[in-house]
PDB file of N, CA and C in Angstrom:
ATOM      1  N   MET A   1     135.443  95.225 131.230  1.00  0.00           N
ATOM      2  CA  MET A   1     134.199  94.520 130.997  1.00  0.00           C
ATOM      3  C   MET A   1     134.283  93.853 129.621  1.00  0.00           C
ATOM      4  N   VAL A   2     133.969  92.592 129.585  1.00  0.00           N
ATOM      5  CA  VAL A   2     134.031  91.821 128.352  1.00  0.00           C
ATOM      6  C   VAL A   2     132.626  91.703 127.777  1.00  0.00           C
ATOM      7  N   GLN A   3     132.511  92.083 126.502  1.00  0.00           N
ATOM      8  CA  GLN A   3     131.226  91.959 125.845  1.00  0.00           C
ATOM      9  C   GLN A   3     131.217  90.679 125.025  1.00  0.00           C
ATOM     10  N   SER A   4     130.159  89.938 125.173  1.00  0.00           N
ATOM     11  CA  SER A   4     130.044  88.704 124.394  1.00  0.00           C
ATOM     12  C   SER A   4     129.222  88.993 123.145  1.00  0.00           C
ATOM     13  N   ARG A   5     129.516  88.262 122.111  1.00  0.00           N
ATOM     14  CA  ARG A   5     128.776  88.418 120.866  1.00  0.00           C
ATOM     15  C   ARG A   5     127.443  87.694 121.001  1.00  0.00           C
ATOM     16  N   PRO A   6     126.396  88.248 120.385  1.00  0.00           N
ATOM     17  CA  PRO A   6     125.108  87.551 120.445  1.00  0.00           C
ATOM     18  C   PRO A   6     125.172  86.238 119.677  1.00  0.00           C
ATOM     19  N   ASP A   7     124.493  85.242 120.197  1.00  0.00           N
ATOM     20  CA  ASP A   7     124.511  83.959 119.493  1.00  0.00           C
ATOM     21  C   ASP A   7     123.519  83.976 118.322  1.00  0.00           C
ATOM     22  N   GLN A   8     123.523  82.917 117.555  1.00  0.00           N
ATOM     23  CA  GLN A   8     122.709  82.853 116.337  1.00  0.00           C
ATOM     24  C   GLN A   8     121.216  82.948 116.651  1.00  0.00           C
ATOM     25  N   ASN A   9     120.786  82.381 117.772  1.00  0.00           N
ATOM     26  CA  ASN A   9     119.365  82.460 118.147  1.00  0.00           C
ATOM     27  C   ASN A   9     118.937  83.896 118.413  1.00  0.00           C
ATOM     28  N   ASP A  10     119.794  84.661 119.088  1.00  0.00           N
ATOM     29  CA  ASP A  10     119.473  86.063 119.353  1.00  0.00           C
ATOM     30  C   ASP A  10     119.386  86.865 118.064  1.00  0.00           C
ATOM     31  N   LEU A  11     120.277  86.602 117.128  1.00  0.00           N
ATOM     32  CA  LEU A  11     120.245  87.315 115.851  1.00  0.00           C
ATOM     33  C   LEU A  11     118.991  86.973 115.054  1.00  0.00           C
ATOM     34  N   GLU A  12     118.610  85.714 115.048  1.00  0.00           N
ATOM     35  CA  GLU A  12     117.401  85.304 114.336  1.00  0.00           C
ATOM     36  C   GLU A  12     116.161  85.905 114.988  1.00  0.00           C
ATOM     37  N   ARG A  13     116.131  85.935 116.309  1.00  0.00           N
ATOM     38  CA  ARG A  13     115.008  86.532 117.024  1.00  0.00           C
ATOM     39  C   ARG A  13     114.901  88.022 116.703  1.00  0.00           C
ATOM     40  N   ALA A  14     116.040  88.709 116.632  1.00  0.00           N
ATOM     41  CA  ALA A  14     116.040  90.133 116.295  1.00  0.00           C
ATOM     42  C   ALA A  14     115.509  90.351 114.874  1.00  0.00           C
ATOM     43  N   ARG A  15     115.872  89.470 113.943  1.00  0.00           N
ATOM     44  CA  ARG A  15     115.344  89.572 112.574  1.00  0.00           C
ATOM     45  C   ARG A  15     113.831  89.405 112.556  1.00  0.00           C
ATOM     46  N   GLN A  16     113.337  88.438 113.326  1.00  0.00           N
ATOM     47  CA  GLN A  16     111.896  88.213 113.387  1.00  0.00           C
ATOM     48  C   GLN A  16     111.171  89.424 113.971  1.00  0.00           C
ATOM     49  N   VAL A  17     111.734  90.006 115.018  1.00  0.00           N
ATOM     50  CA  VAL A  17     111.116  91.173 115.645  1.00  0.00           C
ATOM     51  C   VAL A  17     111.074  92.334 114.654  1.00  0.00           C
ATOM     52  N   ARG A  18     112.169  92.560 113.925  1.00  0.00           N
ATOM     53  CA  ARG A  18     112.182  93.624 112.915  1.00  0.00           C
ATOM     54  C   ARG A  18     111.154  93.361 111.824  1.00  0.00           C
ATOM     55  N   ARG A  19     111.053  92.118 111.386  1.00  0.00           N
ATOM     56  CA  ARG A  19     110.093  91.759 110.342  1.00  0.00           C
ATOM     57  C   ARG A  19     108.662  92.040 110.817  1.00  0.00           C
ATOM     58  N   VAL A  20     108.349  91.667 112.045  1.00  0.00           N
ATOM     59  CA  VAL A  20     107.014  91.920 112.595  1.00  0.00           C
ATOM     60  C   VAL A  20     106.751  93.427 112.668  1.00  0.00           C
ATOM     61  N   ALA A  21     107.732  94.193 113.111  1.00  0.00           N
ATOM     62  CA  ALA A  21     107.561  95.645 113.217  1.00  0.00           C
ATOM     63  C   ALA A  21     107.303  96.270 111.855  1.00  0.00           C
ATOM     64  N   VAL A  22     108.033  95.840 110.844  1.00  0.00           N
ATOM     65  CA  VAL A  22     107.838  96.381 109.499  1.00  0.00           C
ATOM     66  C   VAL A  22     106.458  96.008 108.965  1.00  0.00           C
ATOM     67  N   VAL A  23     106.055  94.762 109.178  1.00  0.00           N
ATOM     68  CA  VAL A  23     104.737  94.331 108.693  1.00  0.00           C
ATOM     69  C   VAL A  23     103.629  95.124 109.387  1.00  0.00           C
ATOM     70  N   LEU A  24     103.736  95.330 110.684  1.00  0.00           N
ATOM     71  CA  LEU A  24     102.712  96.092 111.400  1.00  0.00           C
ATOM     72  C   LEU A  24     102.630  97.533 110.902  1.00  0.00           C
ATOM     73  N   ALA A  25     103.780  98.181 110.770  1.00  0.00           N
ATOM     74  CA  ALA A  25     103.792  99.577 110.313  1.00  0.00           C
ATOM     75  C   ALA A  25     103.280  99.691 108.880  1.00  0.00           C
ATOM     76  N   ALA A  26     103.756  98.825 108.002  1.00  0.00           N
ATOM     77  CA  ALA A  26     103.331  98.880 106.603  1.00  0.00           C
ATOM     78  C   ALA A  26     101.842  98.569 106.468  1.00  0.00           C
ATOM     79  N   THR A  27     101.353  97.621 107.250  1.00  0.00           N
ATOM     80  CA  THR A  27      99.936  97.269 107.195  1.00  0.00           C
ATOM     81  C   THR A  27      99.073  98.459 107.588  1.00  0.00           C
ATOM     82  N   MET A  28      99.442  99.141 108.648  1.00  0.00           N
ATOM     83  CA  MET A  28      98.649 100.292 109.079  1.00  0.00           C
ATOM     84  C   MET A  28      98.641 101.383 108.019  1.00  0.00           C
ATOM     85  N   VAL A  29      99.807 101.701 107.473  1.00  0.00           N
ATOM     86  CA  VAL A  29      99.889 102.765 106.471  1.00  0.00           C
ATOM     87  C   VAL A  29      99.106 102.374 105.213  1.00  0.00           C
ATOM     88  N   LEU A  30      99.307 101.153 104.735  1.00  0.00           N
ATOM     89  CA  LEU A  30      98.596 100.711 103.530  1.00  0.00           C
ATOM     90  C   LEU A  30      97.093 100.611 103.760  1.00  0.00           C
ATOM     91  N   TRP A  31      96.700 100.147 104.927  1.00  0.00           N
ATOM     92  CA  TRP A  31      95.274 100.025 105.217  1.00  0.00           C
ATOM     93  C   TRP A  31      94.611 101.400 105.268  1.00  0.00           C
ATOM     94  N   MET A  32      95.251 102.352 105.953  1.00  0.00           N
ATOM     95  CA  MET A  32      94.675 103.696 106.012  1.00  0.00           C
ATOM     96  C   MET A  32      94.643 104.332 104.624  1.00  0.00           C
ATOM     97  N   GLY A  33      95.689 104.114 103.828  1.00  0.00           N
ATOM     98  CA  GLY A  33      95.702 104.631 102.465  1.00  0.00           C
ATOM     99  C   GLY A  33      94.615 104.003 101.610  1.00  0.00           C
ATOM    100  N   ALA A  34      94.400 102.716 101.762  1.00  0.00           N
ATOM    101  CA  ALA A  34      93.359 102.031 101.005  1.00  0.00           C
ATOM    102  C   ALA A  34      91.977 102.523 101.407  1.00  0.00           C
ATOM    103  N   GLN A  35      91.769 102.778 102.691  1.00  0.00           N
ATOM    104  CA  GLN A  35      90.486 103.304 103.137  1.00  0.00           C
ATOM    105  C   GLN A  35      90.237 104.692 102.553  1.00  0.00           C
ATOM    106  N   TRP A  36      91.244 105.527 102.578  1.00  0.00           N
ATOM    107  CA  TRP A  36      91.110 106.869 102.022  1.00  0.00           C
ATOM    108  C   TRP A  36      90.856 106.805 100.514  1.00  0.00           C
ATOM    109  N   LEU A  37      91.661 105.994  99.814  1.00  0.00           N
ATOM    110  CA  LEU A  37      91.530 105.872  98.368  1.00  0.00           C
ATOM    111  C   LEU A  37      90.168 105.291  97.987  1.00  0.00           C
ATOM    112  N   GLY A  38      89.697 104.320  98.739  1.00  0.00           N
ATOM    113  CA  GLY A  38      88.379 103.757  98.484  1.00  0.00           C
ATOM    114  C   GLY A  38      87.286 104.795  98.618  1.00  0.00           C
ATOM    115  N   GLY A  39      87.425 105.676  99.597  1.00  0.00           N
ATOM    116  CA  GLY A  39      86.444 106.754  99.761  1.00  0.00           C
ATOM    117  C   GLY A  39      86.514 107.760  98.632  1.00  0.00           C
ATOM    118  N   GLN A  40      87.722 108.088  98.204  1.00  0.00           N
ATOM    119  CA  GLN A  40      87.897 109.061  97.119  1.00  0.00           C
ATOM    120  C   GLN A  40      87.379 108.532  95.785  1.00  0.00           C
ATOM    121  N   LEU A  41      87.604 107.249  95.534  1.00  0.00           N
ATOM    122  CA  LEU A  41      87.182 106.655  94.264  1.00  0.00           C
ATOM    123  C   LEU A  41      85.738 106.167  94.289  1.00  0.00           C
ATOM    124  N   GLY A  42      85.147 106.148  95.462  1.00  0.00           N
ATOM    125  CA  GLY A  42      83.772 105.686  95.590  1.00  0.00           C
ATOM    126  C   GLY A  42      83.632 104.186  95.346  1.00  0.00           C
ATOM    127  N   LEU A  43      84.627 103.424  95.794  1.00  0.00           N
ATOM    128  CA  LEU A  43      84.568 101.977  95.617  1.00  0.00           C
ATOM    129  C   LEU A  43      83.415 101.382  96.419  1.00  0.00           C
ATOM    130  N   GLU A  44      82.904 100.281  95.926  1.00  0.00           N
ATOM    131  CA  GLU A  44      81.837  99.596  96.647  1.00  0.00           C
ATOM    132  C   GLU A  44      82.377  99.045  97.967  1.00  0.00           C
ATOM    133  N   THR A  45      81.483  98.874  98.898  1.00  0.00           N
ATOM    134  CA  THR A  45      81.863  98.405 100.228  1.00  0.00           C
ATOM    135  C   THR A  45      82.518  97.041 100.176  1.00  0.00           C
ATOM    136  N   ARG A  46      82.071  96.180  99.288  1.00  0.00           N
ATOM    137  CA  ARG A  46      82.642  94.828  99.237  1.00  0.00           C
ATOM    138  C   ARG A  46      84.108  94.847  98.816  1.00  0.00           C
ATOM    139  N   PHE A  47      84.518  95.825  97.994  1.00  0.00           N
ATOM    140  CA  PHE A  47      85.920  95.918  97.617  1.00  0.00           C
ATOM    141  C   PHE A  47      86.766  96.501  98.739  1.00  0.00           C
ATOM    142  N   VAL A  48      86.212  97.487  99.420  1.00  0.00           N
ATOM    143  CA  VAL A  48      86.934  98.083 100.557  1.00  0.00           C
ATOM    144  C   VAL A  48      87.077  97.054 101.674  1.00  0.00           C
ATOM    145  N   PHE A  49      86.088  96.165 101.804  1.00  0.00           N
ATOM    146  CA  PHE A  49      86.134  95.115 102.821  1.00  0.00           C
ATOM    147  C   PHE A  49      87.309  94.166 102.579  1.00  0.00           C
ATOM    148  N   LEU A  50      87.713  93.986 101.330  1.00  0.00           N
ATOM    149  CA  LEU A  50      88.887  93.155 101.029  1.00  0.00           C
ATOM    150  C   LEU A  50      90.152  93.741 101.648  1.00  0.00           C
ATOM    151  N   PHE A  51      90.269  95.070 101.648  1.00  0.00           N
ATOM    152  CA  PHE A  51      91.411  95.722 102.299  1.00  0.00           C
ATOM    153  C   PHE A  51      91.408  95.417 103.792  1.00  0.00           C
ATOM    154  N   ASP A  52      90.208  95.440 104.379  1.00  0.00           N
ATOM    155  CA  ASP A  52      90.091  95.125 105.807  1.00  0.00           C
ATOM    156  C   ASP A  52      90.535  93.689 106.092  1.00  0.00           C
ATOM    157  N   LEU A  53      90.108  92.758 105.252  1.00  0.00           N
ATOM    158  CA  LEU A  53      90.486  91.359 105.449  1.00  0.00           C
ATOM    159  C   LEU A  53      91.993  91.157 105.303  1.00  0.00           C
ATOM    160  N   ALA A  54      92.596  91.834 104.339  1.00  0.00           N
ATOM    161  CA  ALA A  54      94.047  91.729 104.164  1.00  0.00           C
ATOM    162  C   ALA A  54      94.771  92.283 105.387  1.00  0.00           C
ATOM    163  N   ALA A  55      94.293  93.393 105.928  1.00  0.00           N
ATOM    164  CA  ALA A  55      94.910  93.967 107.124  1.00  0.00           C
ATOM    165  C   ALA A  55      94.746  93.034 108.322  1.00  0.00           C
ATOM    166  N   ILE A  56      93.577  92.450 108.476  1.00  0.00           N
ATOM    167  CA  ILE A  56      93.349  91.510 109.573  1.00  0.00           C
ATOM    168  C   ILE A  56      94.284  90.310 109.443  1.00  0.00           C
ATOM    169  N   ALA A  57      94.460  89.810 108.221  1.00  0.00           N
ATOM    170  CA  ALA A  57      95.365  88.680 108.009  1.00  0.00           C
ATOM    171  C   ALA A  57      96.794  89.044 108.400  1.00  0.00           C
ATOM    172  N   ALA A  58      97.234  90.240 108.047  1.00  0.00           N
ATOM    173  CA  ALA A  58      98.585  90.667 108.415  1.00  0.00           C
ATOM    174  C   ALA A  58      98.726  90.798 109.931  1.00  0.00           C
ATOM    175  N   PHE A  59      97.700  91.330 110.589  1.00  0.00           N
ATOM    176  CA  PHE A  59      97.756  91.466 112.040  1.00  0.00           C
ATOM    177  C   PHE A  59      97.749  90.102 112.735  1.00  0.00           C
ATOM    178  N   VAL A  60      96.978  89.174 112.228  1.00  0.00           N
ATOM    179  CA  VAL A  60      96.959  87.826 112.809  1.00  0.00           C
ATOM    180  C   VAL A  60      98.322  87.176 112.634  1.00  0.00           C
ATOM    181  N   TRP A  61      98.921  87.321 111.437  1.00  0.00           N
ATOM    182  CA  TRP A  61     100.257  86.773 111.207  1.00  0.00           C
ATOM    183  C   TRP A  61     101.260  87.379 112.195  1.00  0.00           C
ATOM    184  N   ALA A  62     101.214  88.699 112.376  1.00  0.00           N
ATOM    185  CA  ALA A  62     102.138  89.367 113.293  1.00  0.00           C
ATOM    186  C   ALA A  62     101.928  88.885 114.726  1.00  0.00           C
ATOM    187  N   MET A  63     100.676  88.666 115.099  1.00  0.00           N
ATOM    188  CA  MET A  63     100.398  88.179 116.449  1.00  0.00           C
ATOM    189  C   MET A  63     100.943  86.767 116.652  1.00  0.00           C
ATOM    190  N   LEU A  64     100.779  85.915 115.646  1.00  0.00           N
ATOM    191  CA  LEU A  64     101.289  84.550 115.750  1.00  0.00           C
ATOM    192  C   LEU A  64     102.817  84.527 115.826  1.00  0.00           C
ATOM    193  N   VAL A  65     103.467  85.319 115.015  1.00  0.00           N
ATOM    194  CA  VAL A  65     104.933  85.359 115.045  1.00  0.00           C
ATOM    195  C   VAL A  65     105.413  85.942 116.367  1.00  0.00           C
ATOM    196  N   THR A  66     104.730  86.958 116.861  1.00  0.00           N
ATOM    197  CA  THR A  66     105.100  87.534 118.160  1.00  0.00           C
ATOM    198  C   THR A  66     104.945  86.494 119.270  1.00  0.00           C
ATOM    199  N   TYR A  67     103.891  85.698 119.202  1.00  0.00           N
ATOM    200  CA  TYR A  67     103.705  84.636 120.188  1.00  0.00           C
ATOM    201  C   TYR A  67     104.837  83.610 120.102  1.00  0.00           C
ATOM    202  N   GLN A  68     105.236  83.255 118.875  1.00  0.00           N
ATOM    203  CA  GLN A  68     106.355  82.318 118.697  1.00  0.00           C
ATOM    204  C   GLN A  68     107.649  82.890 119.263  1.00  0.00           C
ATOM    205  N   ILE A  69     107.882  84.172 119.049  1.00  0.00           N
ATOM    206  CA  ILE A  69     109.079  84.810 119.600  1.00  0.00           C
ATOM    207  C   ILE A  69     109.042  84.757 121.119  1.00  0.00           C
ATOM    208  N   TRP A  70     107.897  85.076 121.688  1.00  0.00           N
ATOM    209  CA  TRP A  70     107.746  85.065 123.143  1.00  0.00           C
ATOM    210  C   TRP A  70     107.976  83.662 123.698  1.00  0.00           C
ATOM    211  N   ARG A  71     107.389  82.640 123.033  1.00  0.00           N
ATOM    212  CA  ARG A  71     107.583  81.262 123.490  1.00  0.00           C
ATOM    213  C   ARG A  71     109.044  80.837 123.353  1.00  0.00           C
ATOM    214  N   GLY A  72     109.690  81.282 122.306  1.00  0.00           N
ATOM    215  CA  GLY A  72     111.094  80.945 122.101  1.00  0.00           C
ATOM    216  C   GLY A  72     112.006  81.523 123.162  1.00  0.00           C
ATOM    217  N   ARG A  73     111.684  82.704 123.625  1.00  0.00           N
ATOM    218  CA  ARG A  73     112.495  83.319 124.688  1.00  0.00           C
ATOM    219  C   ARG A  73     112.303  82.620 126.018  1.00  0.00           C
ATOM    220  N   ARG A  74     111.132  82.082 126.245  1.00  0.00           N
ATOM    221  CA  ARG A  74     110.865  81.415 127.521  1.00  0.00           C
ATOM    222  C   ARG A  74     111.525  80.064 127.599  1.00  0.00           C
ATOM    223  N   GLY A  75     111.701  79.429 126.436  1.00  0.00           N
ATOM    224  CA  GLY A  75     112.190  78.058 126.436  1.00  0.00           C
ATOM    225  C   GLY A  75     113.670  77.911 126.359  1.00  0.00           C
TER     226      GLY A  75
END
């Protein structure tokens, strides 16, 4: 059985998938840590809301990149 090497597009797609996975995992951990820390420090709601907005922005970015990856595989 002959194994072929992955082409450059497959390698780039794999990098994008890894990047999305890292961003999703890091966002969840940082967001949960920020929520806990905000509660411990008694931060005002408006400051804690900034953490929520940053997490939402990261999730939207991950969703857009995932959509691009999906479209790239179809085409």
